[in-house]
Protein backbone atom coordinates (compact mmCIF):
# COMPACT_ATOMS: atom_id res chain seq x y z
CA MET A 1 -122.78 -86.56 124.82
CA ASN A 2 -124.39 -84.66 122.35
CA LYS A 3 -127.24 -82.30 123.08
CA SER A 4 -130.07 -84.75 121.60
CA LEU A 5 -129.07 -87.61 123.76
CA GLU A 6 -128.92 -85.23 126.59
CA THR A 7 -132.33 -84.12 125.73
CA GLN A 8 -133.71 -87.68 125.40
CA ARG A 9 -132.02 -88.48 128.69
CA MET A 10 -134.01 -85.95 130.44
CA GLU A 11 -137.29 -86.80 128.72
CA LYS A 12 -136.73 -90.15 130.11
CA ILE A 13 -136.16 -88.90 133.50
CA VAL A 14 -139.21 -86.74 133.53
CA SER A 15 -141.40 -89.88 132.36
CA LEU A 16 -139.91 -91.98 134.96
CA CYS A 17 -140.93 -89.52 137.71
CA LYS A 18 -144.25 -89.40 136.88
CA ARG A 19 -144.56 -93.33 136.02
CA ARG A 20 -143.12 -94.59 139.09
CA GLY A 21 -144.64 -91.57 141.55
CA PHE A 22 -141.60 -89.51 142.48
CA ILE A 23 -143.04 -86.14 140.91
CA PHE A 24 -146.31 -85.11 139.44
CA GLN A 25 -147.58 -81.70 137.97
CA SER A 26 -149.47 -79.80 140.67
CA SER A 27 -153.12 -79.38 139.62
CA GLU A 28 -152.52 -81.80 136.59
CA ILE A 29 -156.37 -82.56 136.43
CA TYR A 30 -157.00 -78.96 135.92
CA GLY A 31 -154.28 -78.35 133.34
CA GLY A 32 -151.39 -77.85 135.83
CA LEU A 33 -150.12 -74.72 137.31
CA ASN A 34 -146.73 -73.75 135.74
CA GLY A 35 -143.64 -73.89 138.13
CA CYS A 36 -145.57 -76.16 140.75
CA TRP A 37 -144.75 -79.49 141.28
CA ASP A 38 -146.40 -82.40 143.83
CA TYR A 39 -144.00 -85.19 145.20
CA GLY A 40 -145.64 -88.82 145.05
CA PRO A 41 -144.92 -91.51 147.40
CA LEU A 42 -141.52 -92.21 146.03
CA GLY A 43 -140.64 -88.61 145.76
CA VAL A 44 -141.52 -87.60 149.29
CA GLU A 45 -139.13 -90.41 150.73
CA LEU A 46 -136.35 -89.43 148.80
CA LYS A 47 -137.03 -85.67 149.65
CA ARG A 48 -137.42 -86.66 153.35
CA ASN A 49 -134.23 -88.71 153.29
CA LEU A 50 -132.14 -85.52 151.96
CA LYS A 51 -133.42 -83.18 154.31
CA ASN A 52 -133.17 -85.53 157.28
CA TYR A 53 -129.39 -86.25 156.61
CA TRP A 54 -128.57 -82.59 155.96
CA TRP A 55 -130.32 -81.85 159.26
CA ARG A 56 -128.20 -84.78 160.93
CA VAL A 57 -124.88 -83.51 159.48
CA MET A 58 -125.48 -79.84 159.98
CA VAL A 59 -127.36 -79.80 163.26
CA HIS A 60 -127.34 -82.92 165.11
CA GLU A 61 -123.64 -83.72 164.71
CA ARG A 62 -122.44 -80.34 165.46
CA GLU A 63 -122.79 -78.55 169.04
CA ASN A 64 -122.84 -74.97 167.97
CA ILE A 65 -125.64 -75.24 165.32
CA VAL A 66 -129.24 -75.21 166.46
CA GLY A 67 -132.29 -75.12 164.42
CA MET A 68 -135.42 -72.99 164.08
CA ASP A 69 -138.77 -73.04 162.11
CA GLY A 70 -139.89 -69.44 160.95
CA SER A 71 -143.21 -68.54 159.59
CA ILE A 72 -143.80 -68.19 155.90
CA LEU A 73 -145.76 -64.86 156.56
CA MET A 74 -143.86 -62.19 158.16
CA ASN A 75 -144.33 -58.42 159.06
CA ARG A 76 -143.92 -56.15 155.85
CA ALA A 77 -141.50 -54.53 157.50
CA VAL A 78 -139.00 -57.12 157.40
CA TRP A 79 -139.20 -57.25 153.60
CA LYS A 80 -138.71 -53.33 153.38
CA ALA A 81 -135.56 -53.71 155.93
CA SER A 82 -134.00 -56.35 153.95
CA GLY A 83 -134.32 -54.60 150.67
CA HIS A 84 -136.53 -57.25 149.17
CA GLU A 85 -139.56 -54.97 148.46
CA ASP A 86 -137.68 -52.39 146.38
CA THR A 87 -134.93 -54.46 144.98
CA PHE A 88 -135.82 -58.22 144.64
CA THR A 89 -136.62 -58.06 141.18
CA ASP A 90 -135.55 -59.47 137.66
CA PRO A 91 -135.57 -57.49 134.30
CA MET A 92 -138.58 -58.95 132.32
CA VAL A 93 -138.72 -58.76 128.42
CA ASP A 94 -141.94 -59.77 126.44
CA CYS A 95 -141.88 -61.10 122.68
CA ARG A 96 -144.60 -59.50 120.72
CA SER A 97 -144.60 -62.17 118.11
CA CYS A 98 -145.22 -65.54 120.32
CA LYS A 99 -146.21 -63.56 123.27
CA ALA A 100 -143.51 -65.19 125.48
CA ARG A 101 -142.43 -63.72 128.82
CA LEU A 102 -138.62 -64.03 129.22
CA ARG A 103 -136.04 -62.88 131.58
CA ALA A 104 -133.68 -60.34 130.08
CA ASP A 105 -130.72 -62.41 130.18
CA GLN A 106 -132.61 -65.11 128.24
CA VAL A 107 -132.71 -63.12 125.07
CA ILE A 108 -130.47 -64.15 122.31
CA ASP A 109 -127.78 -61.41 120.91
CA LYS A 110 -127.19 -62.29 117.07
CA LYS A 111 -124.67 -59.90 115.62
CA GLY A 112 -126.16 -57.04 117.98
CA ILE A 113 -129.86 -57.68 117.23
CA GLN A 114 -131.87 -59.04 120.17
CA GLN A 115 -133.91 -62.16 119.40
CA CYS A 116 -136.73 -64.28 121.06
CA PRO A 117 -134.98 -67.65 122.00
CA ASN A 118 -138.46 -69.25 121.45
CA CYS A 119 -139.34 -68.01 117.94
CA GLY A 120 -136.43 -65.89 116.95
CA GLY A 121 -138.71 -62.83 116.75
CA LYS A 122 -137.07 -59.63 117.04
CA ASP A 123 -140.04 -57.49 118.31
CA LEU A 124 -139.26 -57.23 121.98
CA THR A 125 -140.22 -54.96 124.63
CA ALA A 126 -137.69 -52.98 126.80
CA PRO A 127 -136.71 -54.50 129.98
CA ARG A 128 -138.92 -53.69 132.79
CA ALA A 129 -138.43 -54.49 136.71
CA PHE A 130 -140.62 -57.52 137.95
CA ASN A 131 -140.77 -58.08 141.60
CA LEU A 132 -140.40 -61.86 141.95
CA MET A 133 -142.29 -61.70 145.62
CA PHE A 134 -145.87 -63.00 145.99
CA LYS A 135 -148.06 -60.21 147.25
CA THR A 136 -150.88 -61.34 149.74
CA PHE A 137 -153.03 -59.47 152.33
CA VAL A 138 -153.44 -60.21 156.31
CA GLY A 139 -156.48 -59.60 157.89
CA ALA A 140 -159.99 -58.83 156.85
CA THR A 141 -159.38 -55.98 154.20
CA GLU A 142 -157.22 -55.91 151.22
CA ASP A 143 -155.39 -52.53 151.11
CA GLU A 144 -152.07 -51.14 151.54
CA SER A 145 -151.88 -51.63 155.29
CA SER A 146 -152.56 -55.47 155.06
CA VAL A 147 -150.02 -56.30 152.61
CA THR A 148 -147.28 -58.63 153.14
CA TYR A 149 -145.38 -61.21 151.10
CA LEU A 150 -144.99 -64.97 150.95
CA ARG A 151 -141.31 -65.38 151.99
CA PRO A 152 -138.85 -65.56 149.12
CA GLU A 153 -136.01 -67.10 151.35
CA THR A 154 -136.02 -68.38 155.04
CA ALA A 155 -132.86 -66.30 155.93
CA GLN A 156 -134.72 -63.30 157.18
CA SER A 157 -136.49 -65.31 159.87
CA ILE A 158 -133.49 -66.25 161.26
CA PHE A 159 -131.99 -62.82 161.21
CA VAL A 160 -135.05 -61.20 162.96
CA GLN A 161 -134.89 -64.12 165.69
CA PHE A 162 -131.13 -63.76 166.23
CA LYS A 163 -131.22 -62.38 169.54
CA ASN A 164 -133.90 -64.55 170.88
CA VAL A 165 -132.10 -67.96 169.60
CA LEU A 166 -128.80 -66.81 170.95
CA GLU A 167 -130.38 -65.99 174.44
CA VAL A 168 -132.11 -69.50 174.65
CA SER A 169 -129.36 -71.73 173.13
CA ARG A 170 -126.51 -69.65 175.14
CA LYS A 171 -123.86 -70.39 172.27
CA LYS A 172 -120.73 -68.69 171.89
CA LEU A 173 -119.39 -67.37 168.31
CA PRO A 174 -119.05 -68.98 166.04
CA PHE A 175 -122.48 -70.64 166.03
CA GLY A 176 -125.02 -71.31 163.62
CA ILE A 177 -129.02 -71.22 163.10
CA ALA A 178 -130.38 -73.87 160.70
CA GLN A 179 -133.69 -74.14 158.87
CA ILE A 180 -135.46 -76.13 156.15
CA GLY A 181 -138.54 -74.58 154.89
CA LYS A 182 -140.62 -73.29 151.77
CA ALA A 183 -139.89 -70.42 149.83
CA PHE A 184 -141.79 -68.69 147.10
CA ARG A 185 -140.53 -66.71 144.09
CA ASN A 186 -142.79 -65.51 141.25
CA GLU A 187 -140.43 -66.66 138.42
CA ILE A 188 -140.88 -65.23 135.15
CA ASN A 189 -140.19 -68.40 133.34
CA PRO A 190 -139.99 -71.40 135.29
CA ARG A 191 -138.19 -74.19 133.34
CA ASN A 192 -136.31 -77.22 133.23
CA PHE A 193 -138.77 -79.66 135.26
CA THR A 194 -138.20 -78.99 139.05
CA PHE A 195 -135.11 -76.88 138.63
CA ARG A 196 -136.64 -73.55 138.50
CA SER A 197 -139.90 -73.40 140.41
CA ARG A 198 -142.19 -70.86 141.95
CA GLU A 199 -142.53 -72.88 145.17
CA PHE A 200 -139.54 -74.56 146.61
CA GLU A 201 -137.78 -75.88 149.63
CA GLN A 202 -134.54 -74.43 151.08
CA MET A 203 -132.06 -75.88 153.66
CA GLU A 204 -130.33 -72.86 154.87
CA LEU A 205 -127.70 -72.09 157.41
CA GLU A 206 -126.61 -68.58 159.03
CA TYR A 207 -123.23 -69.25 160.58
CA PHE A 208 -122.36 -66.14 163.04
CA CYS A 209 -118.88 -65.35 163.32
CA ARG A 210 -116.40 -62.45 164.02
CA GLU A 211 -115.74 -60.32 161.01
CA GLU A 212 -111.98 -61.32 160.92
CA GLU A 213 -112.91 -64.88 160.50
CA GLY A 214 -115.57 -64.24 157.76
CA ILE A 215 -113.30 -65.51 154.91
CA LYS A 216 -111.82 -68.70 156.98
CA TRP A 217 -115.56 -69.82 157.34
CA LEU A 218 -116.45 -69.02 153.78
CA ASP A 219 -113.69 -71.25 152.83
CA TYR A 220 -114.56 -73.89 155.27
CA TRP A 221 -118.29 -74.14 154.57
CA LEU A 222 -117.55 -74.55 150.72
CA GLU A 223 -115.41 -77.36 151.25
CA GLU A 224 -118.02 -79.05 153.80
CA ARG A 225 -120.76 -78.70 151.51
CA LEU A 226 -119.04 -80.20 148.69
CA LYS A 227 -118.34 -83.13 150.92
CA PHE A 228 -122.21 -83.38 151.68
CA TYR A 229 -123.00 -83.84 147.91
CA GLU A 230 -120.16 -86.42 147.68
CA ASN A 231 -121.80 -88.34 150.53
CA ILE A 232 -125.33 -88.59 149.05
CA GLY A 233 -124.04 -89.89 145.95
CA ILE A 234 -123.00 -86.95 143.57
CA PRO A 235 -119.28 -87.22 142.60
CA ARG A 236 -116.89 -84.32 143.02
CA ALA A 237 -116.30 -84.56 139.29
CA LYS A 238 -119.53 -83.51 138.47
CA LEU A 239 -119.47 -80.69 141.16
CA HIS A 240 -117.93 -77.18 140.50
CA ALA A 241 -117.33 -74.40 142.80
CA HIS A 242 -117.96 -71.32 140.86
CA GLU A 243 -116.58 -68.00 142.38
CA ILE A 244 -118.89 -65.07 141.75
CA PRO A 245 -116.94 -62.11 140.53
CA ASP A 246 -117.01 -58.67 142.28
CA GLU A 247 -119.30 -56.96 139.67
CA GLU A 248 -121.91 -59.94 140.03
CA ARG A 249 -122.13 -60.23 143.59
CA ALA A 250 -124.40 -58.72 146.05
CA PHE A 251 -122.78 -55.36 147.08
CA TYR A 252 -122.93 -56.30 150.79
CA SER A 253 -121.09 -59.89 150.22
CA LYS A 254 -117.22 -60.14 150.54
CA GLY A 255 -117.49 -63.41 148.95
CA THR A 256 -119.96 -65.91 147.18
CA TYR A 257 -119.41 -69.29 145.61
CA ASP A 258 -122.32 -71.17 143.54
CA ILE A 259 -121.99 -75.26 143.93
CA GLU A 260 -122.96 -76.17 140.56
CA TYR A 261 -123.96 -79.71 139.14
CA ASP A 262 -123.84 -81.10 135.53
CA PHE A 263 -127.58 -81.58 134.81
CA PRO A 264 -128.61 -82.87 131.43
CA PHE A 265 -129.62 -79.69 130.41
CA GLY A 266 -126.42 -77.96 131.50
CA ARG A 267 -124.43 -76.91 134.60
CA GLN A 268 -126.56 -75.41 137.01
CA GLU A 269 -126.60 -73.92 140.90
CA LEU A 270 -127.38 -76.39 143.34
CA GLU A 271 -126.35 -74.21 146.53
CA GLY A 272 -124.97 -70.78 147.17
CA VAL A 273 -122.43 -70.06 149.96
CA ALA A 274 -122.05 -66.54 150.73
CA TYR A 275 -120.46 -64.49 153.01
CA ARG A 276 -123.20 -61.78 153.77
CA THR A 277 -121.02 -59.70 156.45
CA ASP A 278 -123.34 -57.84 159.07
CA TYR A 279 -125.60 -56.46 156.21
CA ASP A 280 -128.71 -58.13 157.36
CA LEU A 281 -128.41 -57.70 161.29
CA GLN A 282 -127.45 -54.10 160.58
CA GLN A 283 -130.53 -53.24 158.43
CA HIS A 284 -132.89 -54.96 160.93
CA ILE A 285 -131.28 -53.11 163.81
CA LYS A 286 -131.74 -49.56 161.76
CA ALA A 287 -135.29 -50.61 160.83
CA SER A 288 -136.77 -52.15 164.19
CA GLY A 289 -134.49 -50.16 166.81
CA LYS A 290 -133.80 -53.30 168.55
CA PRO A 291 -130.51 -54.28 169.36
CA LEU A 292 -129.20 -57.67 167.69
CA ASP A 293 -125.74 -57.53 168.84
CA TYR A 294 -123.58 -60.08 170.79
CA PHE A 295 -121.68 -59.53 173.83
CA ASP A 296 -118.25 -61.43 174.31
CA GLU A 297 -118.22 -62.44 178.17
CA GLU A 298 -114.11 -62.90 177.81
CA THR A 299 -113.15 -59.64 176.08
CA LYS A 300 -116.27 -57.73 177.18
CA GLN A 301 -117.02 -56.39 173.81
CA ARG A 302 -120.20 -55.82 172.08
CA PHE A 303 -120.61 -56.10 168.29
CA VAL A 304 -122.67 -57.21 165.49
CA PRO A 305 -121.46 -60.83 164.16
CA HIS A 306 -120.88 -61.45 160.43
CA VAL A 307 -122.53 -64.19 158.68
CA VAL A 308 -121.71 -67.04 156.32
CA GLU A 309 -124.62 -68.62 154.67
CA PRO A 310 -124.59 -72.04 152.75
CA SER A 311 -127.99 -72.14 151.08
CA ALA A 312 -129.09 -75.24 149.30
CA GLY A 313 -132.32 -75.97 147.30
CA VAL A 314 -133.99 -79.10 148.36
CA ASP A 315 -135.76 -79.68 144.96
CA ARG A 316 -132.84 -79.01 142.94
CA THR A 317 -130.66 -81.51 144.91
CA VAL A 318 -133.63 -84.05 144.57
CA LEU A 319 -133.46 -83.26 140.72
CA ALA A 320 -129.66 -83.80 141.04
CA LEU A 321 -129.84 -86.91 142.98
CA ILE A 322 -132.47 -88.50 140.39
CA CYS A 323 -130.42 -87.08 137.12
CA GLU A 324 -127.42 -88.80 138.68
CA ALA A 325 -128.70 -92.01 139.66
CA TYR A 326 -130.83 -92.56 136.31
CA ASP A 327 -128.87 -95.48 134.36
CA GLU A 328 -129.49 -98.06 131.83
CA ASP A 329 -127.89 -101.34 131.44
CA THR A 330 -128.51 -105.23 130.21
CA ALA A 331 -129.69 -107.74 132.35
CA PRO A 332 -131.01 -111.47 131.41
CA ASP A 333 -134.93 -111.94 131.74
CA GLU A 334 -136.67 -114.97 133.12
CA LYS A 335 -135.39 -116.87 130.06
CA GLY A 336 -131.95 -115.72 129.94
CA LYS A 337 -132.38 -113.30 127.08
CA LEU A 338 -130.40 -110.15 127.54
CA GLU A 339 -132.67 -106.70 127.78
CA THR A 340 -132.59 -103.27 128.74
CA ARG A 341 -132.59 -102.63 132.47
CA VAL A 342 -133.55 -99.15 133.67
CA VAL A 343 -131.93 -98.35 137.32
CA LEU A 344 -131.62 -95.69 139.62
CA ARG A 345 -128.78 -95.94 141.45
CA PHE A 346 -129.31 -93.74 144.53
CA HIS A 347 -126.73 -94.00 147.45
CA PRO A 348 -128.38 -96.37 149.94
CA ARG A 349 -129.01 -93.67 152.51
CA MET A 350 -131.19 -91.50 150.03
CA ALA A 351 -132.88 -94.40 148.29
CA PRO A 352 -136.72 -93.93 149.10
CA ILE A 353 -137.23 -97.57 149.82
CA LYS A 354 -134.23 -99.38 151.39
CA CYS A 355 -135.12 -103.07 151.02
CA SER A 356 -137.86 -105.14 149.14
CA VAL A 357 -139.12 -108.31 150.56
CA PHE A 358 -140.40 -111.21 148.38
CA PRO A 359 -141.49 -114.69 148.73
CA LEU A 360 -140.42 -116.66 145.85
CA LEU A 361 -143.90 -117.86 145.12
CA LYS A 362 -147.04 -116.28 146.18
CA ASN A 363 -149.14 -119.50 146.21
CA ASN A 364 -146.83 -121.26 148.86
CA GLU A 365 -148.40 -119.94 152.57
CA GLN A 366 -144.90 -120.82 154.22
CA LEU A 367 -143.08 -118.63 151.89
CA VAL A 368 -145.63 -115.82 152.23
CA ALA A 369 -145.64 -116.22 155.92
CA LYS A 370 -141.97 -116.07 156.25
CA ALA A 371 -141.54 -113.32 153.90
CA LYS A 372 -144.01 -111.02 155.83
CA GLU A 373 -142.12 -111.95 158.94
CA ILE A 374 -139.09 -110.58 157.67
CA ALA A 375 -140.60 -107.60 156.37
CA ASP A 376 -141.90 -106.77 159.84
CA LEU A 377 -138.68 -107.54 161.46
CA LEU A 378 -136.95 -105.01 159.08
CA GLY A 379 -139.92 -102.42 159.11
CA PRO A 380 -138.98 -100.57 162.50
CA HIS A 381 -135.66 -99.88 160.95
CA MET A 382 -136.06 -98.95 157.43
CA ASN A 383 -138.44 -98.21 154.81
CA VAL A 384 -139.40 -101.40 153.40
CA PHE A 385 -141.49 -102.85 150.21
CA TYR A 386 -143.20 -106.35 150.37
CA ASP A 387 -144.00 -107.72 146.84
CA GLU A 388 -145.34 -111.01 145.94
CA THR A 389 -146.88 -110.14 142.47
CA GLY A 390 -145.38 -111.64 139.13
CA ALA A 391 -142.20 -113.47 138.29
CA ILE A 392 -139.28 -112.87 140.79
CA GLY A 393 -137.27 -111.37 137.81
CA ARG A 394 -140.06 -108.71 137.41
CA ARG A 395 -140.00 -107.81 140.77
CA TYR A 396 -136.39 -107.33 140.73
CA ARG A 397 -136.69 -105.10 137.81
CA ARG A 398 -139.44 -102.77 139.40
CA GLN A 399 -137.46 -102.09 142.47
CA ASP A 400 -134.25 -101.67 140.25
CA GLU A 401 -136.36 -98.82 138.43
CA ILE A 402 -137.18 -97.10 141.78
CA GLY A 403 -133.78 -97.51 143.23
CA THR A 404 -134.03 -99.75 145.95
CA PRO A 405 -130.62 -100.83 147.01
CA PHE A 406 -131.38 -104.32 148.50
CA ALA A 407 -133.91 -107.16 148.08
CA VAL A 408 -134.31 -110.04 150.04
CA THR A 409 -136.12 -113.40 149.01
CA ALA A 410 -137.37 -116.08 151.17
CA ASP A 411 -137.26 -119.31 149.10
CA PHE A 412 -137.09 -123.05 149.59
CA GLU A 413 -133.90 -123.03 151.29
CA THR A 414 -135.24 -120.71 153.82
CA LEU A 415 -137.71 -123.55 154.66
CA GLY A 416 -134.84 -125.93 155.07
CA GLU A 417 -136.35 -128.12 152.36
CA LYS A 418 -133.30 -128.69 150.27
CA ASP A 419 -130.53 -128.35 153.12
CA PRO A 420 -131.34 -127.95 156.78
CA ALA A 421 -128.08 -125.91 157.21
CA LEU A 422 -129.64 -123.18 155.04
CA GLN A 423 -132.83 -122.80 157.07
CA ASP A 424 -133.71 -119.32 158.17
CA THR A 425 -131.35 -118.06 155.85
CA VAL A 426 -132.47 -115.78 152.71
CA THR A 427 -130.96 -114.44 149.43
CA LEU A 428 -129.70 -110.69 149.84
CA ARG A 429 -129.62 -109.23 146.26
CA ASP A 430 -127.50 -106.15 145.70
CA ARG A 431 -129.18 -103.66 143.06
CA ASP A 432 -126.17 -102.40 141.09
CA SER A 433 -124.02 -105.50 140.91
CA MET A 434 -127.10 -107.86 140.78
CA LYS A 435 -125.11 -110.27 142.98
CA GLN A 436 -126.82 -112.24 145.52
CA GLU A 437 -125.68 -113.63 148.80
CA ARG A 438 -127.08 -116.07 151.62
CA VAL A 439 -127.43 -114.44 154.81
CA PRO A 440 -129.15 -115.68 158.01
CA ILE A 441 -132.34 -113.95 158.94
CA ARG A 442 -131.03 -113.07 162.28
CA GLU A 443 -128.25 -111.03 160.64
CA LEU A 444 -130.30 -109.09 158.38
CA VAL A 445 -131.26 -105.95 160.41
CA SER A 446 -127.58 -105.32 161.36
CA ILE A 447 -126.37 -106.08 157.98
CA LEU A 448 -128.68 -103.55 156.18
CA THR A 449 -128.83 -100.92 158.65
CA SER A 450 -124.92 -101.03 158.21
CA ARG A 451 -125.16 -100.32 154.51
CA VAL A 452 -127.88 -97.87 154.33
CA ARG A 453 -126.93 -95.22 156.82
């Protein structure tokens, strides 16, 4: 695809997200706030499905990983010890011509001349350090003694609680501590819809191990995380494990991979899998004076564990899911004429709504009663949407556009009017193939739960 087609595709995706209630601009009625987004009724369900599945496969299905939920606000000393206060910066450049504020790596170099990517201007300021953390104050006074920051990552709360979690969970190495939570970075230039935002959510694991096993677990978690994306509907062909070269890695890392996805706007990072060694724990030991080590009962050794960290962006993954799911094909309308169908082909376990339920006609009391009965039957097991408005074909299209994988319709056969043998059966329609099958109502729960898990 050429660039213009990919740009058009992205514009359609952004439009669909607002039109159907996936993602809205934050504070929109006041002109919005750049880099901040609100998730609507469908977006929040998609996001929750992603987080719940991550938690299931990372925590609930593993005996040696436990969870925690750390505070967004932490003692300023945490950020001093971790190095964020002094070094968590991006070099920033201003264009004096169009007043654009840019990260230094966004500036274009043409034949050795630095140019603004927006206007082509050459009148640029020298790069200067810009700290990405949001500063705030705790308490009644706003002075240097009350300064802290909104956390730029969730990892540090895991490190500073390492000893407490170790003692209460009684885990042996290797073991992990997982967390899903908000983080904040004052990005110089948020862009590409929700991809680079100032407020975002992370799904992060700190996996503690022995030093000699660090590289082994780095390779293990890279493969596990690639499998995860495949299991939520992102094909391996569009995923790329980019090994960060030595000169670009954090100085304390012995190995880092970026898992990248082919977005319409280019290949971009979804997740980092990093071998952070024992750097973070050692920094907090030095700064706090408190022990954050591990005692091995079998070998009687006491040492500071090393850490492998798979850190995924919730918002970036949600955007990847929407981009991957978006498709257009043709389908017949009520009169048999082919028309363009917009469809989101979410994997069923990610789809915001799992099944829609329709009565064939809304003015038939028996069909409506039966359809509502079916919706009540399915409701405790999955997210269901009941709809009786408009022609049945229109209702199918609306559900296709929001990615609902299955639709159940109560029709006259359900009532046994045409064939008594078909009484209490319904049509079950598949979103992707648009094929319908006839199934007994009593089997709906088992059939659908097996397909959406």
